[in-house]
Amino acid sequence: MKCTSYFVSLRARPDRAIIRDEWIERAVVAPIREHVQADGRIRRWTQVTEMGGRYLRVALLADGETVHNAFLDRDFMP
């Protein structure tokens, strides 16, 4: 999985360390929703049943494969 240095530094935070690579890859490959931002970055969401059905948001660079951010999104409405 390709990642930005920003994302690598975020993974050290306790609230981000619980996010598994396979959840991120699920959002990248088979998102339930996608939004392209004005700057070209791509937001993708997936539901994580292992976390009680919560939703994971993954932000990708414009190339569609480099992970820039990933977090459990409290505000997402399917």
N, C-alpha and C. Protein backbone atom coordinates (compact mmCIF):
# COMPACT_ATOMS: atom_id res chain seq x y z
N MET A 1 0.85 -1.17 0.00
CA MET A 1 0.00 0.00 0.00
C MET A 1 0.90 1.24 0.00
N LYS A 2 0.65 2.13 -0.95
CA LYS A 2 1.40 3.38 -1.03
C LYS A 2 0.81 4.38 -0.04
N CYS A 3 1.68 5.11 0.67
CA CYS A 3 1.23 6.07 1.69
C CYS A 3 2.08 7.33 1.62
N THR A 4 1.49 8.45 2.03
CA THR A 4 2.25 9.68 2.17
C THR A 4 2.99 9.64 3.51
N SER A 5 4.01 10.47 3.64
CA SER A 5 4.72 10.55 4.92
C SER A 5 3.80 11.09 6.01
N TYR A 6 2.86 11.95 5.63
CA TYR A 6 1.88 12.46 6.58
C TYR A 6 1.07 11.31 7.18
N PHE A 7 0.63 10.39 6.34
CA PHE A 7 -0.15 9.25 6.82
C PHE A 7 0.69 8.36 7.73
N VAL A 8 1.93 8.12 7.36
CA VAL A 8 2.81 7.28 8.18
C VAL A 8 2.96 7.88 9.57
N SER A 9 3.10 9.20 9.67
CA SER A 9 3.22 9.84 10.98
C SER A 9 1.91 9.77 11.77
N LEU A 10 0.77 9.83 11.09
CA LEU A 10 -0.52 9.72 11.77
C LEU A 10 -0.74 8.34 12.39
N ARG A 11 -0.20 7.32 11.77
CA ARG A 11 -0.40 5.95 12.25
C ARG A 11 0.15 5.75 13.66
N ALA A 12 0.99 6.64 14.12
CA ALA A 12 1.56 6.52 15.47
C ALA A 12 0.56 6.93 16.54
N ARG A 13 -0.49 7.66 16.16
CA ARG A 13 -1.49 8.09 17.14
C ARG A 13 -2.33 6.89 17.57
N PRO A 14 -2.66 6.80 18.86
CA PRO A 14 -3.43 5.64 19.35
C PRO A 14 -4.78 5.46 18.66
N ASP A 15 -5.46 6.57 18.33
CA ASP A 15 -6.77 6.45 17.69
C ASP A 15 -6.66 6.00 16.23
N ARG A 16 -5.48 6.12 15.65
CA ARG A 16 -5.28 5.68 14.26
C ARG A 16 -4.59 4.33 14.18
N ALA A 17 -3.89 3.96 15.24
CA ALA A 17 -3.15 2.70 15.24
C ALA A 17 -4.08 1.49 15.18
N ILE A 18 -5.33 1.65 15.59
CA ILE A 18 -6.28 0.53 15.57
C ILE A 18 -6.80 0.23 14.17
N ILE A 19 -6.58 1.13 13.23
CA ILE A 19 -7.09 0.95 11.87
C ILE A 19 -6.19 -0.03 11.13
N ARG A 20 -6.79 -1.11 10.68
CA ARG A 20 -6.04 -2.17 10.01
C ARG A 20 -5.86 -1.87 8.53
N ASP A 21 -4.74 -2.34 7.99
CA ASP A 21 -4.46 -2.14 6.56
C ASP A 21 -5.54 -2.74 5.68
N GLU A 22 -6.08 -3.89 6.08
CA GLU A 22 -7.11 -4.53 5.24
C GLU A 22 -8.39 -3.70 5.17
N TRP A 23 -8.70 -2.95 6.22
CA TRP A 23 -9.86 -2.05 6.17
C TRP A 23 -9.61 -0.92 5.18
N ILE A 24 -8.40 -0.40 5.21
CA ILE A 24 -8.04 0.68 4.28
C ILE A 24 -8.13 0.17 2.84
N GLU A 25 -7.57 -0.99 2.60
CA GLU A 25 -7.59 -1.56 1.25
C GLU A 25 -9.01 -1.85 0.80
N ARG A 26 -9.89 -2.24 1.72
CA ARG A 26 -11.30 -2.46 1.38
C ARG A 26 -11.94 -1.17 0.90
N ALA A 27 -11.63 -0.06 1.56
CA ALA A 27 -12.18 1.24 1.16
C ALA A 27 -11.63 1.67 -0.20
N VAL A 28 -10.37 1.37 -0.46
CA VAL A 28 -9.75 1.75 -1.72
C VAL A 28 -10.34 0.94 -2.88
N VAL A 29 -10.49 -0.36 -2.68
CA VAL A 29 -10.91 -1.26 -3.75
C VAL A 29 -12.43 -1.29 -3.94
N ALA A 30 -13.18 -1.30 -2.85
CA ALA A 30 -14.64 -1.47 -2.94
C ALA A 30 -15.37 -0.51 -2.01
N PRO A 31 -15.28 0.79 -2.27
CA PRO A 31 -15.94 1.76 -1.38
C PRO A 31 -17.45 1.72 -1.52
N ILE A 32 -18.14 2.12 -0.45
CA ILE A 32 -19.59 2.25 -0.54
C ILE A 32 -19.98 3.64 -1.03
N ARG A 33 -19.03 4.58 -0.93
CA ARG A 33 -19.23 5.93 -1.46
C ARG A 33 -17.88 6.54 -1.79
N GLU A 34 -17.89 7.42 -2.79
CA GLU A 34 -16.67 8.11 -3.20
C GLU A 34 -17.00 9.56 -3.50
N HIS A 35 -16.08 10.44 -3.14
CA HIS A 35 -16.23 11.87 -3.44
C HIS A 35 -14.88 12.41 -3.87
N VAL A 36 -14.87 13.08 -5.04
CA VAL A 36 -13.63 13.70 -5.52
C VAL A 36 -13.67 15.17 -5.13
N GLN A 37 -12.66 15.60 -4.41
CA GLN A 37 -12.56 16.98 -3.94
C GLN A 37 -12.08 17.88 -5.07
N ALA A 38 -12.24 19.17 -4.90
CA ALA A 38 -11.81 20.15 -5.90
C ALA A 38 -10.31 20.07 -6.19
N ASP A 39 -9.52 19.68 -5.18
CA ASP A 39 -8.07 19.58 -5.37
C ASP A 39 -7.63 18.25 -5.99
N GLY A 40 -8.60 17.39 -6.33
CA GLY A 40 -8.31 16.11 -6.97
C GLY A 40 -8.18 14.94 -6.02
N ARG A 41 -8.07 15.22 -4.72
CA ARG A 41 -8.01 14.12 -3.76
C ARG A 41 -9.35 13.39 -3.73
N ILE A 42 -9.28 12.14 -3.37
CA ILE A 42 -10.45 11.28 -3.41
C ILE A 42 -10.76 10.78 -2.01
N ARG A 43 -12.01 10.93 -1.61
CA ARG A 43 -12.47 10.38 -0.32
C ARG A 43 -13.29 9.13 -0.62
N ARG A 44 -12.99 8.06 0.10
CA ARG A 44 -13.75 6.81 -0.04
C ARG A 44 -14.11 6.29 1.34
N TRP A 45 -15.29 5.70 1.44
CA TRP A 45 -15.78 5.16 2.70
C TRP A 45 -16.08 3.68 2.56
N THR A 46 -15.91 2.98 3.67
CA THR A 46 -16.33 1.59 3.78
C THR A 46 -16.85 1.36 5.19
N GLN A 47 -17.74 0.38 5.32
CA GLN A 47 -18.23 0.02 6.64
C GLN A 47 -17.32 -1.05 7.22
N VAL A 48 -16.98 -0.88 8.50
CA VAL A 48 -16.08 -1.82 9.18
C VAL A 48 -16.91 -2.59 10.21
N THR A 49 -17.35 -3.77 9.84
CA THR A 49 -18.18 -4.58 10.74
C THR A 49 -17.42 -4.96 12.00
N GLU A 50 -16.09 -5.10 11.87
CA GLU A 50 -15.26 -5.46 13.01
C GLU A 50 -15.22 -4.36 14.07
N MET A 51 -15.66 -3.17 13.72
CA MET A 51 -15.70 -2.04 14.66
C MET A 51 -17.14 -1.64 14.94
N GLY A 52 -18.02 -2.64 14.99
CA GLY A 52 -19.42 -2.38 15.32
C GLY A 52 -20.19 -1.67 14.23
N GLY A 53 -19.74 -1.81 12.98
CA GLY A 53 -20.45 -1.21 11.87
C GLY A 53 -20.09 0.25 11.60
N ARG A 54 -19.06 0.74 12.27
CA ARG A 54 -18.63 2.13 12.04
C ARG A 54 -18.08 2.27 10.62
N TYR A 55 -17.93 3.52 10.19
CA TYR A 55 -17.48 3.80 8.83
C TYR A 55 -16.07 4.37 8.83
N LEU A 56 -15.27 3.88 7.91
CA LEU A 56 -13.90 4.34 7.75
C LEU A 56 -13.82 5.24 6.52
N ARG A 57 -13.24 6.43 6.70
CA ARG A 57 -13.00 7.32 5.57
C ARG A 57 -11.52 7.26 5.24
N VAL A 58 -11.22 7.06 3.96
CA VAL A 58 -9.85 7.03 3.48
C VAL A 58 -9.70 8.14 2.45
N ALA A 59 -8.71 8.99 2.64
CA ALA A 59 -8.41 10.05 1.69
C ALA A 59 -7.20 9.64 0.87
N LEU A 60 -7.38 9.67 -0.44
CA LEU A 60 -6.32 9.29 -1.37
C LEU A 60 -5.85 10.51 -2.14
N LEU A 61 -4.62 10.47 -2.58
CA LEU A 61 -4.15 11.51 -3.49
C LEU A 61 -4.85 11.32 -4.83
N ALA A 62 -4.69 12.27 -5.72
CA ALA A 62 -5.38 12.25 -7.01
C ALA A 62 -5.04 11.02 -7.86
N ASP A 63 -3.94 10.33 -7.55
CA ASP A 63 -3.59 9.12 -8.31
C ASP A 63 -4.53 7.95 -8.00
N GLY A 64 -5.34 8.08 -6.95
CA GLY A 64 -6.31 7.05 -6.61
C GLY A 64 -5.74 5.85 -5.88
N GLU A 65 -4.47 5.89 -5.50
CA GLU A 65 -3.89 4.74 -4.81
C GLU A 65 -3.02 5.09 -3.61
N THR A 66 -2.56 6.33 -3.50
CA THR A 66 -1.70 6.72 -2.39
C THR A 66 -2.55 7.23 -1.23
N VAL A 67 -2.47 6.55 -0.09
CA VAL A 67 -3.27 6.89 1.09
C VAL A 67 -2.65 8.10 1.78
N HIS A 68 -3.48 9.11 2.01
CA HIS A 68 -3.05 10.33 2.69
C HIS A 68 -3.61 10.42 4.11
N ASN A 69 -4.78 9.82 4.33
CA ASN A 69 -5.41 9.88 5.65
C ASN A 69 -6.42 8.74 5.75
N ALA A 70 -6.68 8.29 6.97
CA ALA A 70 -7.70 7.28 7.22
C ALA A 70 -8.15 7.41 8.66
N PHE A 71 -9.46 7.45 8.85
CA PHE A 71 -10.00 7.56 10.20
C PHE A 71 -11.44 7.08 10.23
N LEU A 72 -11.88 6.70 11.43
CA LEU A 72 -13.28 6.31 11.63
C LEU A 72 -14.11 7.58 11.65
N ASP A 73 -15.04 7.67 10.71
CA ASP A 73 -15.80 8.89 10.46
C ASP A 73 -17.11 8.88 11.22
N ARG A 74 -17.20 9.67 12.27
CA ARG A 74 -18.41 9.73 13.10
C ARG A 74 -19.59 10.38 12.38
N ASP A 75 -19.31 11.23 11.42
CA ASP A 75 -20.35 12.02 10.78
C ASP A 75 -20.91 11.41 9.51
N PHE A 76 -20.35 10.30 9.04
CA PHE A 76 -20.80 9.72 7.77
C PHE A 76 -22.20 9.14 7.90
N MET A 77 -23.04 9.49 6.93
CA MET A 77 -24.39 8.95 6.83
C MET A 77 -24.50 8.20 5.50
N PRO A 78 -24.74 6.88 5.57
CA PRO A 78 -24.83 6.09 4.30
C PRO A 78 -26.05 6.46 3.47
